[in-house]
Protein backbone atom coordinates (compact mmCIF):
# COMPACT_ATOMS: atom_id res chain seq x y z
CA UNK A 1 31.40 57.37 -70.40
CA UNK A 2 28.36 57.08 -68.65
CA UNK A 3 25.80 57.73 -71.78
CA UNK A 4 28.00 55.53 -73.63
CA UNK A 5 27.40 52.62 -71.34
CA UNK A 6 23.52 52.78 -71.82
CA UNK A 7 23.67 52.66 -75.36
CA UNK A 8 25.92 48.90 -74.77
CA UNK A 9 23.57 48.05 -71.90
CA UNK A 10 25.42 48.57 -68.71
CA UNK A 11 24.56 49.02 -65.50
CA UNK A 12 26.84 51.02 -63.22
CA UNK A 13 27.53 48.53 -61.33
CA UNK A 14 28.73 46.79 -64.21
CA UNK A 15 31.51 49.22 -64.62
CA UNK A 16 33.28 48.78 -61.14
CA UNK A 17 37.07 47.75 -60.92
CA UNK A 18 37.54 44.00 -59.96
CA UNK A 19 41.16 44.82 -58.87
CA UNK A 20 39.53 46.32 -55.65
CA UNK A 21 39.59 43.37 -53.23
CA UNK A 22 36.13 44.67 -51.62
CA UNK A 23 34.13 44.73 -55.16
CA UNK A 24 36.27 41.65 -56.11
CA UNK A 25 34.70 39.52 -53.17
CA UNK A 26 31.05 41.69 -54.48
CA UNK A 27 31.02 40.32 -56.96
CA UNK A 28 31.66 36.36 -55.56
CA UNK A 29 28.72 36.57 -53.47
CA UNK A 30 26.43 38.05 -56.12
CA UNK A 31 23.60 35.21 -56.95
CA UNK A 32 24.23 32.90 -59.55
CA UNK A 33 22.12 34.75 -61.86
CA UNK A 34 23.11 38.38 -60.68
CA UNK A 35 26.52 37.29 -61.66
CA UNK A 36 25.65 35.14 -65.07
CA UNK A 37 23.64 38.50 -66.48
CA UNK A 38 26.52 41.13 -65.32
CA UNK A 39 29.02 38.28 -67.20
CA UNK A 40 26.50 38.94 -70.09
CA UNK A 41 26.23 42.22 -69.95
CA UNK A 42 30.08 42.82 -69.85
CA UNK A 43 30.87 40.81 -72.63
CA UNK A 44 28.11 42.07 -74.91
CA UNK A 45 29.18 45.31 -74.53
CA UNK A 46 32.81 44.27 -75.27
CA UNK A 47 31.50 42.70 -78.35
CA UNK A 48 29.99 45.56 -79.12
CA UNK A 49 32.46 48.33 -78.67
CA UNK A 50 35.41 46.32 -80.88
CA UNK A 51 32.58 46.07 -83.90
CA UNK A 52 32.03 49.79 -82.95
CA UNK A 53 28.26 50.00 -82.63
CA UNK A 54 25.53 50.02 -80.12
CA UNK A 55 22.82 48.42 -79.24
CA UNK A 56 19.18 49.15 -80.82
CA UNK A 57 16.99 51.87 -78.52
CA UNK A 58 14.66 49.36 -77.09
CA UNK A 59 17.62 47.35 -75.58
CA UNK A 60 19.62 50.59 -73.98
CA UNK A 61 19.80 50.56 -70.18
CA UNK A 62 17.23 52.45 -68.97
CA UNK A 63 17.17 54.81 -66.07
CA UNK A 64 15.23 52.55 -63.73
CA UNK A 65 17.27 49.58 -65.30
CA UNK A 66 20.52 51.81 -64.00
CA UNK A 67 21.24 49.96 -60.62
CA UNK A 68 24.03 50.54 -58.33
CA UNK A 69 23.12 46.66 -58.08
CA UNK A 70 26.28 45.63 -56.18
CA UNK A 71 26.61 48.34 -53.87
CA UNK A 72 24.57 46.64 -50.72
CA UNK A 73 27.27 43.91 -51.29
CA UNK A 74 30.22 46.21 -51.11
CA UNK A 75 29.19 47.51 -48.22
CA UNK A 76 28.49 44.49 -46.28
CA UNK A 77 32.04 43.45 -47.98
CA UNK A 78 33.67 46.96 -46.33
CA UNK A 79 32.16 46.55 -42.86
CA UNK A 80 33.26 42.84 -42.69
CA UNK A 81 36.71 43.72 -43.66
CA UNK A 82 37.01 46.80 -41.37
CA UNK A 83 35.74 45.32 -37.96
CA UNK A 84 38.27 42.71 -38.91
CA UNK A 85 41.03 45.22 -39.20
CA UNK A 86 40.02 46.31 -36.02
CA UNK A 87 40.18 42.85 -34.11
CA UNK A 88 43.52 42.36 -35.84
CA UNK A 89 44.38 45.64 -34.16
CA UNK A 90 43.31 45.18 -30.82
């Protein structure tokens, strides 16, 4: 899966499951530009998959581009959730 996601132009952060409430909230907190880029990459990957195709090599995700761009937001959301749970149980 890891290699195929690069051929489709995805980043690791694009593969996170939005059924996870922390991920869902983090996605909501992305900047409009990052959100739109994420949506574009996901839709393009779905389209390519349906066509049994991959991107031209010059558009593959490089290791420098393959960042967990959303991880700081997920970490913040989790921290806030844990704090909220602690306050709720006092």
